[in-house]
């Protein structure tokens, strides 16, 4: 759950998330 780990950190900092798929 990499996106979950990033999301938990962002919430603690008061941010939302914008996921950018770089594949390809």
PDBML (XML) file of the C-alpha atoms, coordinates in Angstrom:
<?xml version="1.0" encoding="UTF-8" ?>
<PDBx:datablock datablockName="MODEL"
   xmlns:PDBx="http://pdbml.pdb.org/schema/pdbx-v50.xsd"
   xmlns:xsi="http://www.w3.org/2001/XMLSchema-instance"
   xsi:schemaLocation="http://pdbml.pdb.org/schema/pdbx-v50.xsd pdbx-v50.xsd">
   <PDBx:atom_siteCategory>
      <PDBx:atom_site id="1">
         <PDBx:B_iso_or_equiv>0.00</PDBx:B_iso_or_equiv>
         <PDBx:Cartn_x>0.000</PDBx:Cartn_x>
         <PDBx:Cartn_y>0.000</PDBx:Cartn_y>
         <PDBx:Cartn_z>0.000</PDBx:Cartn_z>
         <PDBx:auth_asym_id>A</PDBx:auth_asym_id>
         <PDBx:auth_atom_id>CA</PDBx:auth_atom_id>
         <PDBx:auth_comp_id>UNK</PDBx:auth_comp_id>
         <PDBx:auth_seq_id>1</PDBx:auth_seq_id>
         <PDBx:group_PDB>ATOM</PDBx:group_PDB>
         <PDBx:label_alt_id xsi:nil="true" />
         <PDBx:label_asym_id>A</PDBx:label_asym_id>
         <PDBx:label_atom_id>CA</PDBx:label_atom_id>
         <PDBx:label_comp_id>UNK</PDBx:label_comp_id>
         <PDBx:label_entity_id>1</PDBx:label_entity_id>
         <PDBx:label_seq_id>1</PDBx:label_seq_id>
         <PDBx:occupancy>1.00</PDBx:occupancy>
         <PDBx:pdbx_PDB_model_num>1</PDBx:pdbx_PDB_model_num>
         <PDBx:type_symbol>C</PDBx:type_symbol>
      </PDBx:atom_site>
      <PDBx:atom_site id="2">
         <PDBx:B_iso_or_equiv>0.00</PDBx:B_iso_or_equiv>
         <PDBx:Cartn_x>2.485</PDBx:Cartn_x>
         <PDBx:Cartn_y>2.628</PDBx:Cartn_y>
         <PDBx:Cartn_z>-1.174</PDBx:Cartn_z>
         <PDBx:auth_asym_id>A</PDBx:auth_asym_id>
         <PDBx:auth_atom_id>CA</PDBx:auth_atom_id>
         <PDBx:auth_comp_id>UNK</PDBx:auth_comp_id>
         <PDBx:auth_seq_id>2</PDBx:auth_seq_id>
         <PDBx:group_PDB>ATOM</PDBx:group_PDB>
         <PDBx:label_alt_id xsi:nil="true" />
         <PDBx:label_asym_id>A</PDBx:label_asym_id>
         <PDBx:label_atom_id>CA</PDBx:label_atom_id>
         <PDBx:label_comp_id>UNK</PDBx:label_comp_id>
         <PDBx:label_entity_id>1</PDBx:label_entity_id>
         <PDBx:label_seq_id>2</PDBx:label_seq_id>
         <PDBx:occupancy>1.00</PDBx:occupancy>
         <PDBx:pdbx_PDB_model_num>1</PDBx:pdbx_PDB_model_num>
         <PDBx:type_symbol>C</PDBx:type_symbol>
      </PDBx:atom_site>
      <PDBx:atom_site id="3">
         <PDBx:B_iso_or_equiv>0.00</PDBx:B_iso_or_equiv>
         <PDBx:Cartn_x>-0.262</PDBx:Cartn_x>
         <PDBx:Cartn_y>5.116</PDBx:Cartn_y>
         <PDBx:Cartn_z>-2.033</PDBx:Cartn_z>
         <PDBx:auth_asym_id>A</PDBx:auth_asym_id>
         <PDBx:auth_atom_id>CA</PDBx:auth_atom_id>
         <PDBx:auth_comp_id>UNK</PDBx:auth_comp_id>
         <PDBx:auth_seq_id>3</PDBx:auth_seq_id>
         <PDBx:group_PDB>ATOM</PDBx:group_PDB>
         <PDBx:label_alt_id xsi:nil="true" />
         <PDBx:label_asym_id>A</PDBx:label_asym_id>
         <PDBx:label_atom_id>CA</PDBx:label_atom_id>
         <PDBx:label_comp_id>UNK</PDBx:label_comp_id>
         <PDBx:label_entity_id>1</PDBx:label_entity_id>
         <PDBx:label_seq_id>3</PDBx:label_seq_id>
         <PDBx:occupancy>1.00</PDBx:occupancy>
         <PDBx:pdbx_PDB_model_num>1</PDBx:pdbx_PDB_model_num>
         <PDBx:type_symbol>C</PDBx:type_symbol>
      </PDBx:atom_site>
      <PDBx:atom_site id="4">
         <PDBx:B_iso_or_equiv>0.00</PDBx:B_iso_or_equiv>
         <PDBx:Cartn_x>-1.764</PDBx:Cartn_x>
         <PDBx:Cartn_y>4.584</PDBx:Cartn_y>
         <PDBx:Cartn_z>1.441</PDBx:Cartn_z>
         <PDBx:auth_asym_id>A</PDBx:auth_asym_id>
         <PDBx:auth_atom_id>CA</PDBx:auth_atom_id>
         <PDBx:auth_comp_id>UNK</PDBx:auth_comp_id>
         <PDBx:auth_seq_id>4</PDBx:auth_seq_id>
         <PDBx:group_PDB>ATOM</PDBx:group_PDB>
         <PDBx:label_alt_id xsi:nil="true" />
         <PDBx:label_asym_id>A</PDBx:label_asym_id>
         <PDBx:label_atom_id>CA</PDBx:label_atom_id>
         <PDBx:label_comp_id>UNK</PDBx:label_comp_id>
         <PDBx:label_entity_id>1</PDBx:label_entity_id>
         <PDBx:label_seq_id>4</PDBx:label_seq_id>
         <PDBx:occupancy>1.00</PDBx:occupancy>
         <PDBx:pdbx_PDB_model_num>1</PDBx:pdbx_PDB_model_num>
         <PDBx:type_symbol>C</PDBx:type_symbol>
      </PDBx:atom_site>
      <PDBx:atom_site id="5">
         <PDBx:B_iso_or_equiv>0.00</PDBx:B_iso_or_equiv>
         <PDBx:Cartn_x>1.574</PDBx:Cartn_x>
         <PDBx:Cartn_y>5.391</PDBx:Cartn_y>
         <PDBx:Cartn_z>3.092</PDBx:Cartn_z>
         <PDBx:auth_asym_id>A</PDBx:auth_asym_id>
         <PDBx:auth_atom_id>CA</PDBx:auth_atom_id>
         <PDBx:auth_comp_id>UNK</PDBx:auth_comp_id>
         <PDBx:auth_seq_id>5</PDBx:auth_seq_id>
         <PDBx:group_PDB>ATOM</PDBx:group_PDB>
         <PDBx:label_alt_id xsi:nil="true" />
         <PDBx:label_asym_id>A</PDBx:label_asym_id>
         <PDBx:label_atom_id>CA</PDBx:label_atom_id>
         <PDBx:label_comp_id>UNK</PDBx:label_comp_id>
         <PDBx:label_entity_id>1</PDBx:label_entity_id>
         <PDBx:label_seq_id>5</PDBx:label_seq_id>
         <PDBx:occupancy>1.00</PDBx:occupancy>
         <PDBx:pdbx_PDB_model_num>1</PDBx:pdbx_PDB_model_num>
         <PDBx:type_symbol>C</PDBx:type_symbol>
      </PDBx:atom_site>
      <PDBx:atom_site id="6">
         <PDBx:B_iso_or_equiv>0.00</PDBx:B_iso_or_equiv>
         <PDBx:Cartn_x>1.956</PDBx:Cartn_x>
         <PDBx:Cartn_y>8.570</PDBx:Cartn_y>
         <PDBx:Cartn_z>1.003</PDBx:Cartn_z>
         <PDBx:auth_asym_id>A</PDBx:auth_asym_id>
         <PDBx:auth_atom_id>CA</PDBx:auth_atom_id>
         <PDBx:auth_comp_id>UNK</PDBx:auth_comp_id>
         <PDBx:auth_seq_id>6</PDBx:auth_seq_id>
         <PDBx:group_PDB>ATOM</PDBx:group_PDB>
         <PDBx:label_alt_id xsi:nil="true" />
         <PDBx:label_asym_id>A</PDBx:label_asym_id>
         <PDBx:label_atom_id>CA</PDBx:label_atom_id>
         <PDBx:label_comp_id>UNK</PDBx:label_comp_id>
         <PDBx:label_entity_id>1</PDBx:label_entity_id>
         <PDBx:label_seq_id>6</PDBx:label_seq_id>
         <PDBx:occupancy>1.00</PDBx:occupancy>
         <PDBx:pdbx_PDB_model_num>1</PDBx:pdbx_PDB_model_num>
         <PDBx:type_symbol>C</PDBx:type_symbol>
      </PDBx:atom_site>
      <PDBx:atom_site id="7">
         <PDBx:B_iso_or_equiv>0.00</PDBx:B_iso_or_equiv>
         <PDBx:Cartn_x>-1.662</PDBx:Cartn_x>
         <PDBx:Cartn_y>9.527</PDBx:Cartn_y>
         <PDBx:Cartn_z>1.717</PDBx:Cartn_z>
         <PDBx:auth_asym_id>A</PDBx:auth_asym_id>
         <PDBx:auth_atom_id>CA</PDBx:auth_atom_id>
         <PDBx:auth_comp_id>UNK</PDBx:auth_comp_id>
         <PDBx:auth_seq_id>7</PDBx:auth_seq_id>
         <PDBx:group_PDB>ATOM</PDBx:group_PDB>
         <PDBx:label_alt_id xsi:nil="true" />
         <PDBx:label_asym_id>A</PDBx:label_asym_id>
         <PDBx:label_atom_id>CA</PDBx:label_atom_id>
         <PDBx:label_comp_id>UNK</PDBx:label_comp_id>
         <PDBx:label_entity_id>1</PDBx:label_entity_id>
         <PDBx:label_seq_id>7</PDBx:label_seq_id>
         <PDBx:occupancy>1.00</PDBx:occupancy>
         <PDBx:pdbx_PDB_model_num>1</PDBx:pdbx_PDB_model_num>
         <PDBx:type_symbol>C</PDBx:type_symbol>
      </PDBx:atom_site>
      <PDBx:atom_site id="8">
         <PDBx:B_iso_or_equiv>0.00</PDBx:B_iso_or_equiv>
         <PDBx:Cartn_x>-1.248</PDBx:Cartn_x>
         <PDBx:Cartn_y>9.117</PDBx:Cartn_y>
         <PDBx:Cartn_z>5.491</PDBx:Cartn_z>
         <PDBx:auth_asym_id>A</PDBx:auth_asym_id>
         <PDBx:auth_atom_id>CA</PDBx:auth_atom_id>
         <PDBx:auth_comp_id>UNK</PDBx:auth_comp_id>
         <PDBx:auth_seq_id>8</PDBx:auth_seq_id>
         <PDBx:group_PDB>ATOM</PDBx:group_PDB>
         <PDBx:label_alt_id xsi:nil="true" />
         <PDBx:label_asym_id>A</PDBx:label_asym_id>
         <PDBx:label_atom_id>CA</PDBx:label_atom_id>
         <PDBx:label_comp_id>UNK</PDBx:label_comp_id>
         <PDBx:label_entity_id>1</PDBx:label_entity_id>
         <PDBx:label_seq_id>8</PDBx:label_seq_id>
         <PDBx:occupancy>1.00</PDBx:occupancy>
         <PDBx:pdbx_PDB_model_num>1</PDBx:pdbx_PDB_model_num>
         <PDBx:type_symbol>C</PDBx:type_symbol>
      </PDBx:atom_site>
      <PDBx:atom_site id="9">
         <PDBx:B_iso_or_equiv>0.00</PDBx:B_iso_or_equiv>
         <PDBx:Cartn_x>1.789</PDBx:Cartn_x>
         <PDBx:Cartn_y>11.411</PDBx:Cartn_y>
         <PDBx:Cartn_z>5.445</PDBx:Cartn_z>
         <PDBx:auth_asym_id>A</PDBx:auth_asym_id>
         <PDBx:auth_atom_id>CA</PDBx:auth_atom_id>
         <PDBx:auth_comp_id>UNK</PDBx:auth_comp_id>
         <PDBx:auth_seq_id>9</PDBx:auth_seq_id>
         <PDBx:group_PDB>ATOM</PDBx:group_PDB>
         <PDBx:label_alt_id xsi:nil="true" />
         <PDBx:label_asym_id>A</PDBx:label_asym_id>
         <PDBx:label_atom_id>CA</PDBx:label_atom_id>
         <PDBx:label_comp_id>UNK</PDBx:label_comp_id>
         <PDBx:label_entity_id>1</PDBx:label_entity_id>
         <PDBx:label_seq_id>9</PDBx:label_seq_id>
         <PDBx:occupancy>1.00</PDBx:occupancy>
         <PDBx:pdbx_PDB_model_num>1</PDBx:pdbx_PDB_model_num>
         <PDBx:type_symbol>C</PDBx:type_symbol>
      </PDBx:atom_site>
      <PDBx:atom_site id="10">
         <PDBx:B_iso_or_equiv>0.00</PDBx:B_iso_or_equiv>
         <PDBx:Cartn_x>0.000</PDBx:Cartn_x>
         <PDBx:Cartn_y>13.992</PDBx:Cartn_y>
         <PDBx:Cartn_z>3.279</PDBx:Cartn_z>
         <PDBx:auth_asym_id>A</PDBx:auth_asym_id>
         <PDBx:auth_atom_id>CA</PDBx:auth_atom_id>
         <PDBx:auth_comp_id>UNK</PDBx:auth_comp_id>
         <PDBx:auth_seq_id>10</PDBx:auth_seq_id>
         <PDBx:group_PDB>ATOM</PDBx:group_PDB>
         <PDBx:label_alt_id xsi:nil="true" />
         <PDBx:label_asym_id>A</PDBx:label_asym_id>
         <PDBx:label_atom_id>CA</PDBx:label_atom_id>
         <PDBx:label_comp_id>UNK</PDBx:label_comp_id>
         <PDBx:label_entity_id>1</PDBx:label_entity_id>
         <PDBx:label_seq_id>10</PDBx:label_seq_id>
         <PDBx:occupancy>1.00</PDBx:occupancy>
         <PDBx:pdbx_PDB_model_num>1</PDBx:pdbx_PDB_model_num>
         <PDBx:type_symbol>C</PDBx:type_symbol>
      </PDBx:atom_site>
      <PDBx:atom_site id="11">
         <PDBx:B_iso_or_equiv>0.00</PDBx:B_iso_or_equiv>
         <PDBx:Cartn_x>-3.025</PDBx:Cartn_x>
         <PDBx:Cartn_y>14.047</PDBx:Cartn_y>
         <PDBx:Cartn_z>5.617</PDBx:Cartn_z>
         <PDBx:auth_asym_id>A</PDBx:auth_asym_id>
         <PDBx:auth_atom_id>CA</PDBx:auth_atom_id>
         <PDBx:auth_comp_id>UNK</PDBx:auth_comp_id>
         <PDBx:auth_seq_id>11</PDBx:auth_seq_id>
         <PDBx:group_PDB>ATOM</PDBx:group_PDB>
         <PDBx:label_alt_id xsi:nil="true" />
         <PDBx:label_asym_id>A</PDBx:label_asym_id>
         <PDBx:label_atom_id>CA</PDBx:label_atom_id>
         <PDBx:label_comp_id>UNK</PDBx:label_comp_id>
         <PDBx:label_entity_id>1</PDBx:label_entity_id>
         <PDBx:label_seq_id>11</PDBx:label_seq_id>
         <PDBx:occupancy>1.00</PDBx:occupancy>
         <PDBx:pdbx_PDB_model_num>1</PDBx:pdbx_PDB_model_num>
         <PDBx:type_symbol>C</PDBx:type_symbol>
      </PDBx:atom_site>
      <PDBx:atom_site id="12">
         <PDBx:B_iso_or_equiv>0.00</PDBx:B_iso_or_equiv>
         <PDBx:Cartn_x>-0.778</PDBx:Cartn_x>
         <PDBx:Cartn_y>14.687</PDBx:Cartn_y>
         <PDBx:Cartn_z>8.619</PDBx:Cartn_z>
         <PDBx:auth_asym_id>A</PDBx:auth_asym_id>
         <PDBx:auth_atom_id>CA</PDBx:auth_atom_id>
         <PDBx:auth_comp_id>UNK</PDBx:auth_comp_id>
         <PDBx:auth_seq_id>12</PDBx:auth_seq_id>
         <PDBx:group_PDB>ATOM</PDBx:group_PDB>
         <PDBx:label_alt_id xsi:nil="true" />
         <PDBx:label_asym_id>A</PDBx:label_asym_id>
         <PDBx:label_atom_id>CA</PDBx:label_atom_id>
         <PDBx:label_comp_id>UNK</PDBx:label_comp_id>
         <PDBx:label_entity_id>1</PDBx:label_entity_id>
         <PDBx:label_seq_id>12</PDBx:label_seq_id>
         <PDBx:occupancy>1.00</PDBx:occupancy>
         <PDBx:pdbx_PDB_model_num>1</PDBx:pdbx_PDB_model_num>
         <PDBx:type_symbol>C</PDBx:type_symbol>
      </PDBx:atom_site>
      <PDBx:atom_site id="13">
         <PDBx:B_iso_or_equiv>0.00</PDBx:B_iso_or_equiv>
         <PDBx:Cartn_x>0.681</PDBx:Cartn_x>
         <PDBx:Cartn_y>17.683</PDBx:Cartn_y>
         <PDBx:Cartn_z>6.745</PDBx:Cartn_z>
         <PDBx:auth_asym_id>A</PDBx:auth_asym_id>
         <PDBx:auth_atom_id>CA</PDBx:auth_atom_id>
         <PDBx:auth_comp_id>UNK</PDBx:auth_comp_id>
         <PDBx:auth_seq_id>13</PDBx:auth_seq_id>
         <PDBx:group_PDB>ATOM</PDBx:group_PDB>
         <PDBx:label_alt_id xsi:nil="true" />
         <PDBx:label_asym_id>A</PDBx:label_asym_id>
         <PDBx:label_atom_id>CA</PDBx:label_atom_id>
         <PDBx:label_comp_id>UNK</PDBx:label_comp_id>
         <PDBx:label_entity_id>1</PDBx:label_entity_id>
         <PDBx:label_seq_id>13</PDBx:label_seq_id>
         <PDBx:occupancy>1.00</PDBx:occupancy>
         <PDBx:pdbx_PDB_model_num>1</PDBx:pdbx_PDB_model_num>
         <PDBx:type_symbol>C</PDBx:type_symbol>
      </PDBx:atom_site>
      <PDBx:atom_site id="14">
         <PDBx:B_iso_or_equiv>0.00</PDBx:B_iso_or_equiv>
         <PDBx:Cartn_x>-2.783</PDBx:Cartn_x>
         <PDBx:Cartn_y>18.955</PDBx:Cartn_y>
         <PDBx:Cartn_z>5.761</PDBx:Cartn_z>
         <PDBx:auth_asym_id>A</PDBx:auth_asym_id>
         <PDBx:auth_atom_id>CA</PDBx:auth_atom_id>
         <PDBx:auth_comp_id>UNK</PDBx:auth_comp_id>
         <PDBx:auth_seq_id>14</PDBx:auth_seq_id>
         <PDBx:group_PDB>ATOM</PDBx:group_PDB>
         <PDBx:label_alt_id xsi:nil="true" />
         <PDBx:label_asym_id>A</PDBx:label_asym_id>
         <PDBx:label_atom_id>CA</PDBx:label_atom_id>
         <PDBx:label_comp_id>UNK</PDBx:label_comp_id>
         <PDBx:label_entity_id>1</PDBx:label_entity_id>
         <PDBx:label_seq_id>14</PDBx:label_seq_id>
         <PDBx:occupancy>1.00</PDBx:occupancy>
         <PDBx:pdbx_PDB_model_num>1</PDBx:pdbx_PDB_model_num>
         <PDBx:type_symbol>C</PDBx:type_symbol>
      </PDBx:atom_site>
      <PDBx:atom_site id="15">
         <PDBx:B_iso_or_equiv>0.00</PDBx:B_iso_or_equiv>
         <PDBx:Cartn_x>-2.469</PDBx:Cartn_x>
         <PDBx:Cartn_y>18.086</PDBx:Cartn_y>
         <PDBx:Cartn_z>2.059</PDBx:Cartn_z>
         <PDBx:auth_asym_id>A</PDBx:auth_asym_id>
         <PDBx:auth_atom_id>CA</PDBx:auth_atom_id>
         <PDBx:auth_comp_id>UNK</PDBx:auth_comp_id>
         <PDBx:auth_seq_id>15</PDBx:auth_seq_id>
         <PDBx:group_PDB>ATOM</PDBx:group_PDB>
         <PDBx:label_alt_id xsi:nil="true" />
         <PDBx:label_asym_id>A</PDBx:label_asym_id>
         <PDBx:label_atom_id>CA</PDBx:label_atom_id>
         <PDBx:label_comp_id>UNK</PDBx:label_comp_id>
         <PDBx:label_entity_id>1</PDBx:label_entity_id>
         <PDBx:label_seq_id>15</PDBx:label_seq_id>
         <PDBx:occupancy>1.00</PDBx:occupancy>
         <PDBx:pdbx_PDB_model_num>1</PDBx:pdbx_PDB_model_num>
         <PDBx:type_symbol>C</PDBx:type_symbol>
      </PDBx:atom_site>
      <PDBx:atom_site id="16">
         <PDBx:B_iso_or_equiv>0.00</PDBx:B_iso_or_equiv>
         <PDBx:Cartn_x>-4.444</PDBx:Cartn_x>
         <PDBx:Cartn_y>16.022</PDBx:Cartn_y>
         <PDBx:Cartn_z>-0.411</PDBx:Cartn_z>
         <PDBx:auth_asym_id>A</PDBx:auth_asym_id>
         <PDBx:auth_atom_id>CA</PDBx:auth_atom_id>
         <PDBx:auth_comp_id>UNK</PDBx:auth_comp_id>
         <PDBx:auth_seq_id>16</PDBx:auth_seq_id>
         <PDBx:group_PDB>ATOM</PDBx:group_PDB>
         <PDBx:label_alt_id xsi:nil="true" />
         <PDBx:label_asym_id>A</PDBx:label_asym_id>
         <PDBx:label_atom_id>CA</PDBx:label_atom_id>
         <PDBx:label_comp_id>UNK</PDBx:label_comp_id>
         <PDBx:label_entity_id>1</PDBx:label_entity_id>
         <PDBx:label_seq_id>16</PDBx:label_seq_id>
         <PDBx:occupancy>1.00</PDBx:occupancy>
         <PDBx:pdbx_PDB_model_num>1</PDBx:pdbx_PDB_model_num>
         <PDBx:type_symbol>C</PDBx:type_symbol>
      </PDBx:atom_site>
      <PDBx:atom_site id="17">
         <PDBx:B_iso_or_equiv>0.00</PDBx:B_iso_or_equiv>
         <PDBx:Cartn_x>-2.917</PDBx:Cartn_x>
         <PDBx:Cartn_y>13.743</PDBx:Cartn_y>
         <PDBx:Cartn_z>-3.057</PDBx:Cartn_z>
         <PDBx:auth_asym_id>A</PDBx:auth_asym_id>
         <PDBx:auth_atom_id>CA</PDBx:auth_atom_id>
         <PDBx:auth_comp_id>UNK</PDBx:auth_comp_id>
         <PDBx:auth_seq_id>17</PDBx:auth_seq_id>
         <PDBx:group_PDB>ATOM</PDBx:group_PDB>
         <PDBx:label_alt_id xsi:nil="true" />
         <PDBx:label_asym_id>A</PDBx:label_asym_id>
         <PDBx:label_atom_id>CA</PDBx:label_atom_id>
         <PDBx:label_comp_id>UNK</PDBx:label_comp_id>
         <PDBx:label_entity_id>1</PDBx:label_entity_id>
         <PDBx:label_seq_id>17</PDBx:label_seq_id>
         <PDBx:occupancy>1.00</PDBx:occupancy>
         <PDBx:pdbx_PDB_model_num>1</PDBx:pdbx_PDB_model_num>
         <PDBx:type_symbol>C</PDBx:type_symbol>
      </PDBx:atom_site>
      <PDBx:atom_site id="18">
         <PDBx:B_iso_or_equiv>0.00</PDBx:B_iso_or_equiv>
         <PDBx:Cartn_x>-2.635</PDBx:Cartn_x>
         <PDBx:Cartn_y>13.978</PDBx:Cartn_y>
         <PDBx:Cartn_z>-6.837</PDBx:Cartn_z>
         <PDBx:auth_asym_id>A</PDBx:auth_asym_id>
         <PDBx:auth_atom_id>CA</PDBx:auth_atom_id>
         <PDBx:auth_comp_id>UNK</PDBx:auth_comp_id>
         <PDBx:auth_seq_id>18</PDBx:auth_seq_id>
         <PDBx:group_PDB>ATOM</PDBx:group_PDB>
         <PDBx:label_alt_id xsi:nil="true" />
         <PDBx:label_asym_id>A</PDBx:label_asym_id>
         <PDBx:label_atom_id>CA</PDBx:label_atom_id>
         <PDBx:label_comp_id>UNK</PDBx:label_comp_id>
         <PDBx:label_entity_id>1</PDBx:label_entity_id>
         <PDBx:label_seq_id>18</PDBx:label_seq_id>
         <PDBx:occupancy>1.00</PDBx:occupancy>
         <PDBx:pdbx_PDB_model_num>1</PDBx:pdbx_PDB_model_num>
         <PDBx:type_symbol>C</PDBx:type_symbol>
      </PDBx:atom_site>
      <PDBx:atom_site id="19">
         <PDBx:B_iso_or_equiv>0.00</PDBx:B_iso_or_equiv>
         <PDBx:Cartn_x>-1.352</PDBx:Cartn_x>
         <PDBx:Cartn_y>10.668</PDBx:Cartn_y>
         <PDBx:Cartn_z>-8.263</PDBx:Cartn_z>
         <PDBx:auth_asym_id>A</PDBx:auth_asym_id>
         <PDBx:auth_atom_id>CA</PDBx:auth_atom_id>
         <PDBx:auth_comp_id>UNK</PDBx:auth_comp_id>
         <PDBx:auth_seq_id>19</PDBx:auth_seq_id>
         <PDBx:group_PDB>ATOM</PDBx:group_PDB>
         <PDBx:label_alt_id xsi:nil="true" />
         <PDBx:label_asym_id>A</PDBx:label_asym_id>
         <PDBx:label_atom_id>CA</PDBx:label_atom_id>
         <PDBx:label_comp_id>UNK</PDBx:label_comp_id>
         <PDBx:label_entity_id>1</PDBx:label_entity_id>
         <PDBx:label_seq_id>19</PDBx:label_seq_id>
         <PDBx:occupancy>1.00</PDBx:occupancy>
         <PDBx:pdbx_PDB_model_num>1</PDBx:pdbx_PDB_model_num>
         <PDBx:type_symbol>C</PDBx:type_symbol>
      </PDBx:atom_site>
      <PDBx:atom_site id="20">
         <PDBx:B_iso_or_equiv>0.00</PDBx:B_iso_or_equiv>
         <PDBx:Cartn_x>0.497</PDBx:Cartn_x>
         <PDBx:Cartn_y>10.931</PDBx:Cartn_y>
         <PDBx:Cartn_z>-11.583</PDBx:Cartn_z>
         <PDBx:auth_asym_id>A</PDBx:auth_asym_id>
         <PDBx:auth_atom_id>CA</PDBx:auth_atom_id>
         <PDBx:auth_comp_id>UNK</PDBx:auth_comp_id>
         <PDBx:auth_seq_id>20</PDBx:auth_seq_id>
         <PDBx:group_PDB>ATOM</PDBx:group_PDB>
         <PDBx:label_alt_id xsi:nil="true" />
         <PDBx:label_asym_id>A</PDBx:label_asym_id>
         <PDBx:label_atom_id>CA</PDBx:label_atom_id>
         <PDBx:label_comp_id>UNK</PDBx:label_comp_id>
         <PDBx:label_entity_id>1</PDBx:label_entity_id>
         <PDBx:label_seq_id>20</PDBx:label_seq_id>
         <PDBx:occupancy>1.00</PDBx:occupancy>
         <PDBx:pdbx_PDB_model_num>1</PDBx:pdbx_PDB_model_num>
         <PDBx:type_symbol>C</PDBx:type_symbol>
      </PDBx:atom_site>
      <PDBx:atom_site id="21">
         <PDBx:B_iso_or_equiv>0.00</PDBx:B_iso_or_equiv>
         <PDBx:Cartn_x>0.864</PDBx:Cartn_x>
         <PDBx:Cartn_y>7.634</PDBx:Cartn_y>
         <PDBx:Cartn_z>-13.436</PDBx:Cartn_z>
         <PDBx:auth_asym_id>A</PDBx:auth_asym_id>
         <PDBx:auth_atom_id>CA</PDBx:auth_atom_id>
         <PDBx:auth_comp_id>UNK</PDBx:auth_comp_id>
         <PDBx:auth_seq_id>21</PDBx:auth_seq_id>
         <PDBx:group_PDB>ATOM</PDBx:group_PDB>
         <PDBx:label_alt_id xsi:nil="true" />
         <PDBx:label_asym_id>A</PDBx:label_asym_id>
         <PDBx:label_atom_id>CA</PDBx:label_atom_id>
         <PDBx:label_comp_id>UNK</PDBx:label_comp_id>
         <PDBx:label_entity_id>1</PDBx:label_entity_id>
         <PDBx:label_seq_id>21</PDBx:label_seq_id>
         <PDBx:occupancy>1.00</PDBx:occupancy>
         <PDBx:pdbx_PDB_model_num>1</PDBx:pdbx_PDB_model_num>
         <PDBx:type_symbol>C</PDBx:type_symbol>
      </PDBx:atom_site>
      <PDBx:atom_site id="22">
         <PDBx:B_iso_or_equiv>0.00</PDBx:B_iso_or_equiv>
         <PDBx:Cartn_x>4.316</PDBx:Cartn_x>
         <PDBx:Cartn_y>7.664</PDBx:Cartn_y>
         <PDBx:Cartn_z>-15.042</PDBx:Cartn_z>
         <PDBx:auth_asym_id>A</PDBx:auth_asym_id>
         <PDBx:auth_atom_id>CA</PDBx:auth_atom_id>
         <PDBx:auth_comp_id>UNK</PDBx:auth_comp_id>
         <PDBx:auth_seq_id>22</PDBx:auth_seq_id>
         <PDBx:group_PDB>ATOM</PDBx:group_PDB>
         <PDBx:label_alt_id xsi:nil="true" />
         <PDBx:label_asym_id>A</PDBx:label_asym_id>
         <PDBx:label_atom_id>CA</PDBx:label_atom_id>
         <PDBx:label_comp_id>UNK</PDBx:label_comp_id>
         <PDBx:label_entity_id>1</PDBx:label_entity_id>
         <PDBx:label_seq_id>22</PDBx:label_seq_id>
         <PDBx:occupancy>1.00</PDBx:occupancy>
         <PDBx:pdbx_PDB_model_num>1</PDBx:pdbx_PDB_model_num>
         <PDBx:type_symbol>C</PDBx:type_symbol>
      </PDBx:atom_site>
      <PDBx:atom_site id="23">
         <PDBx:B_iso_or_equiv>0.00</PDBx:B_iso_or_equiv>
         <PDBx:Cartn_x>4.009</PDBx:Cartn_x>
         <PDBx:Cartn_y>4.178</PDBx:Cartn_y>
         <PDBx:Cartn_z>-16.574</PDBx:Cartn_z>
         <PDBx:auth_asym_id>A</PDBx:auth_asym_id>
         <PDBx:auth_atom_id>CA</PDBx:auth_atom_id>
         <PDBx:auth_comp_id>UNK</PDBx:auth_comp_id>
         <PDBx:auth_seq_id>23</PDBx:auth_seq_id>
         <PDBx:group_PDB>ATOM</PDBx:group_PDB>
         <PDBx:label_alt_id xsi:nil="true" />
         <PDBx:label_asym_id>A</PDBx:label_asym_id>
         <PDBx:label_atom_id>CA</PDBx:label_atom_id>
         <PDBx:label_comp_id>UNK</PDBx:label_comp_id>
         <PDBx:label_entity_id>1</PDBx:label_entity_id>
         <PDBx:label_seq_id>23</PDBx:label_seq_id>
         <PDBx:occupancy>1.00</PDBx:occupancy>
         <PDBx:pdbx_PDB_model_num>1</PDBx:pdbx_PDB_model_num>
         <PDBx:type_symbol>C</PDBx:type_symbol>
      </PDBx:atom_site>
      <PDBx:atom_site id="24">
         <PDBx:B_iso_or_equiv>0.00</PDBx:B_iso_or_equiv>
         <PDBx:Cartn_x>4.874</PDBx:Cartn_x>
         <PDBx:Cartn_y>4.409</PDBx:Cartn_y>
         <PDBx:Cartn_z>-19.412</PDBx:Cartn_z>
         <PDBx:auth_asym_id>A</PDBx:auth_asym_id>
         <PDBx:auth_atom_id>CA</PDBx:auth_atom_id>
         <PDBx:auth_comp_id>UNK</PDBx:auth_comp_id>
         <PDBx:auth_seq_id>24</PDBx:auth_seq_id>
         <PDBx:group_PDB>ATOM</PDBx:group_PDB>
         <PDBx:label_alt_id xsi:nil="true" />
         <PDBx:label_asym_id>A</PDBx:label_asym_id>
         <PDBx:label_atom_id>CA</PDBx:label_atom_id>
         <PDBx:label_comp_id>UNK</PDBx:label_comp_id>
         <PDBx:label_entity_id>1</PDBx:label_entity_id>
         <PDBx:label_seq_id>24</PDBx:label_seq_id>
         <PDBx:occupancy>1.00</PDBx:occupancy>
         <PDBx:pdbx_PDB_model_num>1</PDBx:pdbx_PDB_model_num>
         <PDBx:type_symbol>C</PDBx:type_symbol>
      </PDBx:atom_site>
   </PDBx:atom_siteCategory>
</PDBx:datablock>
